[in-house]
Amino acid sequence: MNQLVLNNQSILDVSLQHTGTVENCFAIAIANGFSVSDLLTAGTFLLIPENLRNDNDVLNYYSAKKIQPATAITEDTEIPTLKGIGYMNVGGNFKVS
């Protein structure tokens, strides 16, 4: 079956959304000639192999809540600057002795 890649989706996101497991991302990557860390282009289709084991509990939950994970970090993704109590910045001058 072919599945459409949404904006900012990774192979992991596609695997979770359409099979309910993280483990299937490797089979999906291989079936499509990708590495699991490759960036995907929104609007393309990925082949989801038919013989994968699905987690129906996760699939039913995602379907009921209309969850479409999209966690890929791209060049357009803005990474927030963390500040305040509870955040520690380890810079280049940090030494462990």
PDB file of N, CA and C in Angstrom:
ATOM      1  N   MET A   1       0.840  -1.167   0.000  1.00  0.00           N
ATOM      2  CA  MET A   1       0.000   0.000   0.000  1.00  0.00           C
ATOM      3  C   MET A   1       0.890   1.237   0.000  1.00  0.00           C
ATOM      4  N   ASN A   2       0.498   2.285  -0.676  1.00  0.00           N
ATOM      5  CA  ASN A   2       1.231   3.544  -0.726  1.00  0.00           C
ATOM      6  C   ASN A   2       0.585   4.559   0.206  1.00  0.00           C
ATOM      7  N   GLN A   3       1.417   5.329   0.916  1.00  0.00           N
ATOM      8  CA  GLN A   3       0.914   6.351   1.824  1.00  0.00           C
ATOM      9  C   GLN A   3       1.564   7.687   1.518  1.00  0.00           C
ATOM     10  N   LEU A   4       0.768   8.729   1.552  1.00  0.00           N
ATOM     11  CA  LEU A   4       1.218  10.084   1.285  1.00  0.00           C
ATOM     12  C   LEU A   4       2.014  10.619   2.478  1.00  0.00           C
ATOM     13  N   VAL A   5       3.166  11.229   2.198  1.00  0.00           N
ATOM     14  CA  VAL A   5       3.981  11.856   3.228  1.00  0.00           C
ATOM     15  C   VAL A   5       3.456  13.270   3.459  1.00  0.00           C
ATOM     16  N   LEU A   6       3.182  13.589   4.728  1.00  0.00           N
ATOM     17  CA  LEU A   6       2.703  14.921   5.090  1.00  0.00           C
ATOM     18  C   LEU A   6       3.882  15.829   5.428  1.00  0.00           C
ATOM     19  N   ASN A   7       3.621  17.128   5.554  1.00  0.00           N
ATOM     20  CA  ASN A   7       4.654  18.099   5.874  1.00  0.00           C
ATOM     21  C   ASN A   7       5.336  17.741   7.201  1.00  0.00           C
ATOM     22  N   ASN A   8       6.661  17.771   7.202  1.00  0.00           N
ATOM     23  CA  ASN A   8       7.503  17.496   8.371  1.00  0.00           C
ATOM     24  C   ASN A   8       7.371  16.076   8.909  1.00  0.00           C
ATOM     25  N   GLN A   9       6.985  15.120   8.092  1.00  0.00           N
ATOM     26  CA  GLN A   9       6.955  13.736   8.543  1.00  0.00           C
ATOM     27  C   GLN A   9       8.279  13.046   8.232  1.00  0.00           C
ATOM     28  N   SER A  10       8.695  12.219   9.164  1.00  0.00           N
ATOM     29  CA  SER A  10       9.869  11.373   8.983  1.00  0.00           C
ATOM     30  C   SER A  10       9.383   9.953   8.701  1.00  0.00           C
ATOM     31  N   ILE A  11      10.307   9.070   8.371  1.00  0.00           N
ATOM     32  CA  ILE A  11       9.926   7.671   8.167  1.00  0.00           C
ATOM     33  C   ILE A  11       9.370   7.092   9.465  1.00  0.00           C
ATOM     34  N   LEU A  12       9.902   7.511  10.587  1.00  0.00           N
ATOM     35  CA  LEU A  12       9.385   7.068  11.876  1.00  0.00           C
ATOM     36  C   LEU A  12       7.927   7.495  12.052  1.00  0.00           C
ATOM     37  N   ASP A  13       7.616   8.738  11.698  1.00  0.00           N
ATOM     38  CA  ASP A  13       6.237   9.229  11.796  1.00  0.00           C
ATOM     39  C   ASP A  13       5.290   8.410  10.923  1.00  0.00           C
ATOM     40  N   VAL A  14       5.714   8.143   9.699  1.00  0.00           N
ATOM     41  CA  VAL A  14       4.899   7.365   8.766  1.00  0.00           C
ATOM     42  C   VAL A  14       4.678   5.957   9.312  1.00  0.00           C
ATOM     43  N   SER A  15       5.729   5.370   9.863  1.00  0.00           N
ATOM     44  CA  SER A  15       5.628   4.035  10.438  1.00  0.00           C
ATOM     45  C   SER A  15       4.628   3.998  11.592  1.00  0.00           C
ATOM     46  N   LEU A  16       4.718   4.963  12.486  1.00  0.00           N
ATOM     47  CA  LEU A  16       3.788   5.016  13.611  1.00  0.00           C
ATOM     48  C   LEU A  16       2.351   5.230  13.151  1.00  0.00           C
ATOM     49  N   GLN A  17       2.161   6.158  12.227  1.00  0.00           N
ATOM     50  CA  GLN A  17       0.814   6.493  11.769  1.00  0.00           C
ATOM     51  C   GLN A  17       0.141   5.340  11.027  1.00  0.00           C
ATOM     52  N   HIS A  18       0.898   4.597  10.231  1.00  0.00           N
ATOM     53  CA  HIS A  18       0.282   3.604   9.346  1.00  0.00           C
ATOM     54  C   HIS A  18       0.473   2.146   9.772  1.00  0.00           C
ATOM     55  N   THR A  19       1.373   1.898  10.771  1.00  0.00           N
ATOM     56  CA  THR A  19       1.518   0.528  11.260  1.00  0.00           C
ATOM     57  C   THR A  19       1.425   0.446  12.776  1.00  0.00           C
ATOM     58  N   GLY A  20       1.570   1.584  13.461  1.00  0.00           N
ATOM     59  CA  GLY A  20       1.465   1.605  14.913  1.00  0.00           C
ATOM     60  C   GLY A  20       2.715   1.170  15.648  1.00  0.00           C
ATOM     61  N   THR A  21       3.821   0.938  14.930  1.00  0.00           N
ATOM     62  CA  THR A  21       5.058   0.529  15.596  1.00  0.00           C
ATOM     63  C   THR A  21       6.255   1.313  15.061  1.00  0.00           C
ATOM     64  N   VAL A  22       7.245   1.422  15.921  1.00  0.00           N
ATOM     65  CA  VAL A  22       8.484   2.096  15.529  1.00  0.00           C
ATOM     66  C   VAL A  22       9.373   1.151  14.731  1.00  0.00           C
ATOM     67  N   GLU A  23       9.306  -0.131  15.067  1.00  0.00           N
ATOM     68  CA  GLU A  23      10.184  -1.117  14.437  1.00  0.00           C
ATOM     69  C   GLU A  23      10.010  -1.177  12.926  1.00  0.00           C
ATOM     70  N   ASN A  24       8.809  -0.915  12.448  1.00  0.00           N
ATOM     71  CA  ASN A  24       8.536  -1.019  11.014  1.00  0.00           C
ATOM     72  C   ASN A  24       9.199   0.073  10.183  1.00  0.00           C
ATOM     73  N   CYS A  25       9.741   1.104  10.827  1.00  0.00           N
ATOM     74  CA  CYS A  25      10.374   2.184  10.055  1.00  0.00           C
ATOM     75  C   CYS A  25      11.549   1.652   9.241  1.00  0.00           C
ATOM     76  N   PHE A  26      12.238   0.627   9.736  1.00  0.00           N
ATOM     77  CA  PHE A  26      13.375   0.067   9.007  1.00  0.00           C
ATOM     78  C   PHE A  26      12.915  -0.633   7.726  1.00  0.00           C
ATOM     79  N   ALA A  27      11.848  -1.420   7.819  1.00  0.00           N
ATOM     80  CA  ALA A  27      11.314  -2.113   6.640  1.00  0.00           C
ATOM     81  C   ALA A  27      10.766  -1.109   5.624  1.00  0.00           C
ATOM     82  N   ILE A  28      10.131  -0.054   6.098  1.00  0.00           N
ATOM     83  CA  ILE A  28       9.591   0.975   5.205  1.00  0.00           C
ATOM     84  C   ILE A  28      10.741   1.707   4.506  1.00  0.00           C
ATOM     85  N   ALA A  29      11.793   2.037   5.257  1.00  0.00           N
ATOM     86  CA  ALA A  29      12.956   2.711   4.665  1.00  0.00           C
ATOM     87  C   ALA A  29      13.589   1.845   3.587  1.00  0.00           C
ATOM     88  N   ILE A  30      13.797   0.566   3.874  1.00  0.00           N
ATOM     89  CA  ILE A  30      14.413  -0.339   2.901  1.00  0.00           C
ATOM     90  C   ILE A  30      13.538  -0.496   1.668  1.00  0.00           C
ATOM     91  N   ALA A  31      12.226  -0.635   1.859  1.00  0.00           N
ATOM     92  CA  ALA A  31      11.302  -0.816   0.733  1.00  0.00           C
ATOM     93  C   ALA A  31      11.289   0.384  -0.205  1.00  0.00           C
ATOM     94  N   ASN A  32      11.669   1.556   0.319  1.00  0.00           N
ATOM     95  CA  ASN A  32      11.633   2.775  -0.483  1.00  0.00           C
ATOM     96  C   ASN A  32      13.020   3.306  -0.847  1.00  0.00           C
ATOM     97  N   GLY A  33      14.070   2.558  -0.486  1.00  0.00           N
ATOM     98  CA  GLY A  33      15.427   2.966  -0.817  1.00  0.00           C
ATOM     99  C   GLY A  33      15.936   4.139  -0.007  1.00  0.00           C
ATOM    100  N   PHE A  34      15.444   4.290   1.208  1.00  0.00           N
ATOM    101  CA  PHE A  34      15.845   5.386   2.087  1.00  0.00           C
ATOM    102  C   PHE A  34      16.589   4.857   3.297  1.00  0.00           C
ATOM    103  N   SER A  35      17.249   5.768   3.976  1.00  0.00           N
ATOM    104  CA  SER A  35      17.764   5.520   5.316  1.00  0.00           C
ATOM    105  C   SER A  35      16.701   6.037   6.280  1.00  0.00           C
ATOM    106  N   VAL A  36      16.657   5.512   7.506  1.00  0.00           N
ATOM    107  CA  VAL A  36      15.647   5.981   8.453  1.00  0.00           C
ATOM    108  C   VAL A  36      15.844   7.444   8.833  1.00  0.00           C
ATOM    109  N   SER A  37      17.022   7.983   8.588  1.00  0.00           N
ATOM    110  CA  SER A  37      17.292   9.380   8.933  1.00  0.00           C
ATOM    111  C   SER A  37      17.115  10.343   7.752  1.00  0.00           C
ATOM    112  N   ASP A  38      16.763   9.826   6.577  1.00  0.00           N
ATOM    113  CA  ASP A  38      16.583  10.702   5.409  1.00  0.00           C
ATOM    114  C   ASP A  38      15.383  11.632   5.601  1.00  0.00           C
ATOM    115  N   LEU A  39      15.528  12.846   5.080  1.00  0.00           N
ATOM    116  CA  LEU A  39      14.408  13.789   5.100  1.00  0.00           C
ATOM    117  C   LEU A  39      13.460  13.436   3.963  1.00  0.00           C
ATOM    118  N   LEU A  40      12.166  13.466   4.256  1.00  0.00           N
ATOM    119  CA  LEU A  40      11.147  13.151   3.253  1.00  0.00           C
ATOM    120  C   LEU A  40      10.544  14.427   2.712  1.00  0.00           C
ATOM    121  N   THR A  41      10.075  14.367   1.477  1.00  0.00           N
ATOM    122  CA  THR A  41       9.426  15.504   0.846  1.00  0.00           C
ATOM    123  C   THR A  41       7.919  15.321   0.937  1.00  0.00           C
ATOM    124  N   ALA A  42       7.254  16.332   1.482  1.00  0.00           N
ATOM    125  CA  ALA A  42       5.796  16.272   1.589  1.00  0.00           C
ATOM    126  C   ALA A  42       5.190  16.110   0.200  1.00  0.00           C
ATOM    127  N   GLY A  43       4.160  15.261   0.113  1.00  0.00           N
ATOM    128  CA  GLY A  43       3.482  15.037  -1.153  1.00  0.00           C
ATOM    129  C   GLY A  43       3.961  13.808  -1.904  1.00  0.00           C
ATOM    130  N   THR A  44       5.069  13.222  -1.459  1.00  0.00           N
ATOM    131  CA  THR A  44       5.530  11.988  -2.096  1.00  0.00           C
ATOM    132  C   THR A  44       4.820  10.799  -1.446  1.00  0.00           C
ATOM    133  N   PHE A  45       4.895   9.665  -2.096  1.00  0.00           N
ATOM    134  CA  PHE A  45       4.262   8.464  -1.582  1.00  0.00           C
ATOM    135  C   PHE A  45       5.323   7.457  -1.156  1.00  0.00           C
ATOM    136  N   LEU A  46       5.084   6.796  -0.036  1.00  0.00           N
ATOM    137  CA  LEU A  46       5.955   5.734   0.431  1.00  0.00           C
ATOM    138  C   LEU A  46       5.210   4.411   0.354  1.00  0.00           C
ATOM    139  N   LEU A  47       5.919   3.391  -0.088  1.00  0.00           N
ATOM    140  CA  LEU A  47       5.371   2.046  -0.102  1.00  0.00           C
ATOM    141  C   LEU A  47       5.457   1.471   1.310  1.00  0.00           C
ATOM    142  N   ILE A  48       4.323   1.025   1.833  1.00  0.00           N
ATOM    143  CA  ILE A  48       4.284   0.351   3.127  1.00  0.00           C
ATOM    144  C   ILE A  48       4.134  -1.138   2.831  1.00  0.00           C
ATOM    145  N   PRO A  49       5.173  -1.946   3.114  1.00  0.00           N
ATOM    146  CA  PRO A  49       5.070  -3.376   2.817  1.00  0.00           C
ATOM    147  C   PRO A  49       3.862  -4.016   3.510  1.00  0.00           C
ATOM    148  N   GLU A  50       3.239  -4.957   2.839  1.00  0.00           N
ATOM    149  CA  GLU A  50       2.011  -5.590   3.346  1.00  0.00           C
ATOM    150  C   GLU A  50       2.266  -6.562   4.494  1.00  0.00           C
ATOM    151  N   ASN A  51       3.468  -7.122   4.601  1.00  0.00           N
ATOM    152  CA  ASN A  51       3.722  -8.189   5.565  1.00  0.00           C
ATOM    153  C   ASN A  51       4.164  -7.695   6.935  1.00  0.00           C
ATOM    154  N   LEU A  52       3.991  -6.420   7.239  1.00  0.00           N
ATOM    155  CA  LEU A  52       4.445  -5.880   8.518  1.00  0.00           C
ATOM    156  C   LEU A  52       3.447  -6.190   9.629  1.00  0.00           C
ATOM    157  N   ARG A  53       3.973  -6.348  10.843  1.00  0.00           N
ATOM    158  CA  ARG A  53       3.114  -6.562  12.008  1.00  0.00           C
ATOM    159  C   ARG A  53       2.632  -5.201  12.500  1.00  0.00           C
ATOM    160  N   ASN A  54       1.327  -5.036  12.569  1.00  0.00           N
ATOM    161  CA  ASN A  54       0.739  -3.781  13.019  1.00  0.00           C
ATOM    162  C   ASN A  54       0.350  -3.865  14.490  1.00  0.00           C
ATOM    163  N   ASP A  55       0.392  -2.722  15.160  1.00  0.00           N
ATOM    164  CA  ASP A  55      -0.128  -2.625  16.517  1.00  0.00           C
ATOM    165  C   ASP A  55      -1.482  -1.934  16.413  1.00  0.00           C
ATOM    166  N   ASN A  56      -2.542  -2.726  16.427  1.00  0.00           N
ATOM    167  CA  ASN A  56      -3.881  -2.191  16.201  1.00  0.00           C
ATOM    168  C   ASN A  56      -4.346  -1.257  17.308  1.00  0.00           C
ATOM    169  N   ASP A  57      -3.861  -1.435  18.535  1.00  0.00           N
ATOM    170  CA  ASP A  57      -4.222  -0.519  19.617  1.00  0.00           C
ATOM    171  C   ASP A  57      -3.741   0.899  19.306  1.00  0.00           C
ATOM    172  N   VAL A  58      -2.489   1.006  18.856  1.00  0.00           N
ATOM    173  CA  VAL A  58      -1.934   2.320  18.502  1.00  0.00           C
ATOM    174  C   VAL A  58      -2.655   2.886  17.280  1.00  0.00           C
ATOM    175  N   LEU A  59      -2.862   2.054  16.262  1.00  0.00           N
ATOM    176  CA  LEU A  59      -3.558   2.512  15.053  1.00  0.00           C
ATOM    177  C   LEU A  59      -4.961   3.015  15.376  1.00  0.00           C
ATOM    178  N   ASN A  60      -5.695   2.301  16.208  1.00  0.00           N
ATOM    179  CA  ASN A  60      -7.043   2.726  16.584  1.00  0.00           C
ATOM    180  C   ASN A  60      -7.021   4.026  17.370  1.00  0.00           C
ATOM    181  N   TYR A  61      -6.049   4.184  18.262  1.00  0.00           N
ATOM    182  CA  TYR A  61      -5.924   5.418  19.041  1.00  0.00           C
ATOM    183  C   TYR A  61      -5.616   6.603  18.128  1.00  0.00           C
ATOM    184  N   TYR A  62      -4.619   6.433  17.239  1.00  0.00           N
ATOM    185  CA  TYR A  62      -4.265   7.511  16.308  1.00  0.00           C
ATOM    186  C   TYR A  62      -5.445   7.879  15.422  1.00  0.00           C
ATOM    187  N   SER A  63      -6.179   6.885  14.973  1.00  0.00           N
ATOM    188  CA  SER A  63      -7.329   7.127  14.113  1.00  0.00           C
ATOM    189  C   SER A  63      -8.433   7.865  14.873  1.00  0.00           C
ATOM    190  N   ALA A  64      -8.743   7.415  16.081  1.00  0.00           N
ATOM    191  CA  ALA A  64      -9.807   8.033  16.872  1.00  0.00           C
ATOM    192  C   ALA A  64      -9.485   9.479  17.231  1.00  0.00           C
ATOM    193  N   LYS A  65      -8.222   9.753  17.518  1.00  0.00           N
ATOM    194  CA  LYS A  65      -7.796  11.111  17.903  1.00  0.00           C
ATOM    195  C   LYS A  65      -7.351  11.957  16.709  1.00  0.00           C
ATOM    196  N   LYS A  66      -7.392  11.355  15.502  1.00  0.00           N
ATOM    197  CA  LYS A  66      -6.950  12.032  14.272  1.00  0.00           C
ATOM    198  C   LYS A  66      -5.506  12.546  14.397  1.00  0.00           C
ATOM    199  N   ILE A  67      -4.638  11.681  14.945  1.00  0.00           N
ATOM    200  CA  ILE A  67      -3.223  12.028  15.144  1.00  0.00           C
ATOM    201  C   ILE A  67      -2.446  11.698  13.876  1.00  0.00           C
ATOM    202  N   GLN A  68      -1.700  12.685  13.395  1.00  0.00           N
ATOM    203  CA  GLN A  68      -0.819  12.527  12.238  1.00  0.00           C
ATOM    204  C   GLN A  68       0.551  13.067  12.641  1.00  0.00           C
ATOM    205  N   PRO A  69       1.410  12.206  13.228  1.00  0.00           N
ATOM    206  CA  PRO A  69       2.686  12.693  13.736  1.00  0.00           C
ATOM    207  C   PRO A  69       3.542  13.321  12.639  1.00  0.00           C
ATOM    208  N   ALA A  70       4.194  14.417  12.984  1.00  0.00           N
ATOM    209  CA  ALA A  70       5.084  15.121  12.056  1.00  0.00           C
ATOM    210  C   ALA A  70       6.195  15.751  12.876  1.00  0.00           C
ATOM    211  N   THR A  71       7.224  14.976  13.157  1.00  0.00           N
ATOM    212  CA  THR A  71       8.270  15.417  14.081  1.00  0.00           C
ATOM    213  C   THR A  71       9.617  15.694  13.423  1.00  0.00           C
ATOM    214  N   ALA A  72       9.683  15.626  12.109  1.00  0.00           N
ATOM    215  CA  ALA A  72      10.973  15.818  11.425  1.00  0.00           C
ATOM    216  C   ALA A  72      11.458  17.252  11.588  1.00  0.00           C
ATOM    217  N   ILE A  73      12.744  17.388  11.807  1.00  0.00           N
ATOM    218  CA  ILE A  73      13.361  18.710  11.887  1.00  0.00           C
ATOM    219  C   ILE A  73      13.961  19.007  10.520  1.00  0.00           C
ATOM    220  N   THR A  74      13.531  20.087   9.932  1.00  0.00           N
ATOM    221  CA  THR A  74      14.032  20.493   8.624  1.00  0.00           C
ATOM    222  C   THR A  74      14.724  21.845   8.757  1.00  0.00           C
ATOM    223  N   GLU A  75      15.236  22.340   7.666  1.00  0.00           N
ATOM    224  CA  GLU A  75      15.890  23.646   7.684  1.00  0.00           C
ATOM    225  C   GLU A  75      14.909  24.745   8.072  1.00  0.00           C
ATOM    226  N   ASP A  76      13.625  24.541   7.809  1.00  0.00           N
ATOM    227  CA  ASP A  76      12.605  25.540   8.127  1.00  0.00           C
ATOM    228  C   ASP A  76      12.150  25.474   9.584  1.00  0.00           C
ATOM    229  N   THR A  77      12.507  24.398  10.284  1.00  0.00           N
ATOM    230  CA  THR A  77      12.062  24.212  11.653  1.00  0.00           C
ATOM    231  C   THR A  77      12.803  25.173  12.567  1.00  0.00           C
ATOM    232  N   GLU A  78      12.039  25.929  13.346  1.00  0.00           N
ATOM    233  CA  GLU A  78      12.641  26.868  14.284  1.00  0.00           C
ATOM    234  C   GLU A  78      12.862  26.147  15.606  1.00  0.00           C
ATOM    235  N   ILE A  79      14.099  26.100  16.061  1.00  0.00           N
ATOM    236  CA  ILE A  79      14.421  25.457  17.324  1.00  0.00           C
ATOM    237  C   ILE A  79      14.464  26.543  18.396  1.00  0.00           C
ATOM    238  N   PRO A  80      13.618  26.412  19.417  1.00  0.00           N
ATOM    239  CA  PRO A  80      13.542  27.471  20.431  1.00  0.00           C
ATOM    240  C   PRO A  80      14.810  27.568  21.260  1.00  0.00           C
ATOM    241  N   THR A  81      15.120  28.769  21.718  1.00  0.00           N
ATOM    242  CA  THR A  81      16.229  28.993  22.629  1.00  0.00           C
ATOM    243  C   THR A  81      15.703  28.786  24.032  1.00  0.00           C
ATOM    244  N   LEU A  82      16.322  27.884  24.756  1.00  0.00           N
ATOM    245  CA  LEU A  82      15.863  27.574  26.106  1.00  0.00           C
ATOM    246  C   LEU A  82      16.495  28.524  27.104  1.00  0.00           C
ATOM    247  N   LYS A  83      15.685  29.014  28.037  1.00  0.00           N
ATOM    248  CA  LYS A  83      16.153  29.952  29.054  1.00  0.00           C
ATOM    249  C   LYS A  83      15.475  29.628  30.365  1.00  0.00           C
ATOM    250  N   GLY A  84      16.035  30.149  31.433  1.00  0.00           N
ATOM    251  CA  GLY A  84      15.359  30.072  32.723  1.00  0.00           C
ATOM    252  C   GLY A  84      15.861  28.969  33.623  1.00  0.00           C
ATOM    253  N   ILE A  85      15.184  28.871  34.770  1.00  0.00           N
ATOM    254  CA  ILE A  85      15.537  27.879  35.780  1.00  0.00           C
ATOM    255  C   ILE A  85      15.311  26.486  35.206  1.00  0.00           C
ATOM    256  N   GLY A  86      16.219  25.602  35.474  1.00  0.00           N
ATOM    257  CA  GLY A  86      16.083  24.239  34.998  1.00  0.00           C
ATOM    258  C   GLY A  86      16.783  23.983  33.683  1.00  0.00           C
ATOM    259  N   TYR A  87      17.399  25.016  33.111  1.00  0.00           N
ATOM    260  CA  TYR A  87      18.113  24.846  31.845  1.00  0.00           C
ATOM    261  C   TYR A  87      19.584  25.167  32.081  1.00  0.00           C
ATOM    262  N   MET A  88      20.448  24.311  31.652  1.00  0.00           N
ATOM    263  CA  MET A  88      21.886  24.526  31.824  1.00  0.00           C
ATOM    264  C   MET A  88      22.547  24.467  30.466  1.00  0.00           C
ATOM    265  N   ASN A  89      23.307  25.458  30.144  1.00  0.00           N
ATOM    266  CA  ASN A  89      24.017  25.516  28.867  1.00  0.00           C
ATOM    267  C   ASN A  89      25.453  25.074  29.105  1.00  0.00           C
ATOM    268  N   VAL A  90      25.827  23.995  28.441  1.00  0.00           N
ATOM    269  CA  VAL A  90      27.198  23.511  28.518  1.00  0.00           C
ATOM    270  C   VAL A  90      27.909  24.006  27.279  1.00  0.00           C
ATOM    271  N   GLY A  91      28.814  24.964  27.466  1.00  0.00           N
ATOM    272  CA  GLY A  91      29.516  25.555  26.337  1.00  0.00           C
ATOM    273  C   GLY A  91      30.847  24.883  26.078  1.00  0.00           C
ATOM    274  N   GLY A  92      31.621  25.486  25.208  1.00  0.00           N
ATOM    275  CA  GLY A  92      32.905  24.944  24.812  1.00  0.00           C
ATOM    276  C   GLY A  92      33.944  24.969  25.916  1.00  0.00           C
ATOM    277  N   ASN A  93      33.706  25.745  26.972  1.00  0.00           N
ATOM    278  CA  ASN A  93      34.694  25.849  28.039  1.00  0.00           C
ATOM    279  C   ASN A  93      34.360  24.947  29.227  1.00  0.00           C
ATOM    280  N   PHE A  94      33.431  24.055  29.057  1.00  0.00           N
ATOM    281  CA  PHE A  94      33.021  23.148  30.135  1.00  0.00           C
ATOM    282  C   PHE A  94      34.078  22.074  30.323  1.00  0.00           C
ATOM    283  N   LYS A  95      34.543  21.855  31.580  1.00  0.00           N
ATOM    284  CA  LYS A  95      35.571  20.867  31.848  1.00  0.00           C
ATOM    285  C   LYS A  95      35.104  19.914  32.943  1.00  0.00           C
ATOM    286  N   VAL A  96      35.424  18.662  32.757  1.00  0.00           N
ATOM    287  CA  VAL A  96      35.143  17.650  33.778  1.00  0.00           C
ATOM    288  C   VAL A  96      36.472  17.192  34.311  1.00  0.00           C
ATOM    289  N   SER A  97      36.620  17.234  35.627  1.00  0.00           N
ATOM    290  CA  SER A  97      37.894  16.794  36.197  1.00  0.00           C
ATOM    291  C   SER A  97      37.674  15.814  37.335  1.00  0.00           C
TER     292      SER A  97
END
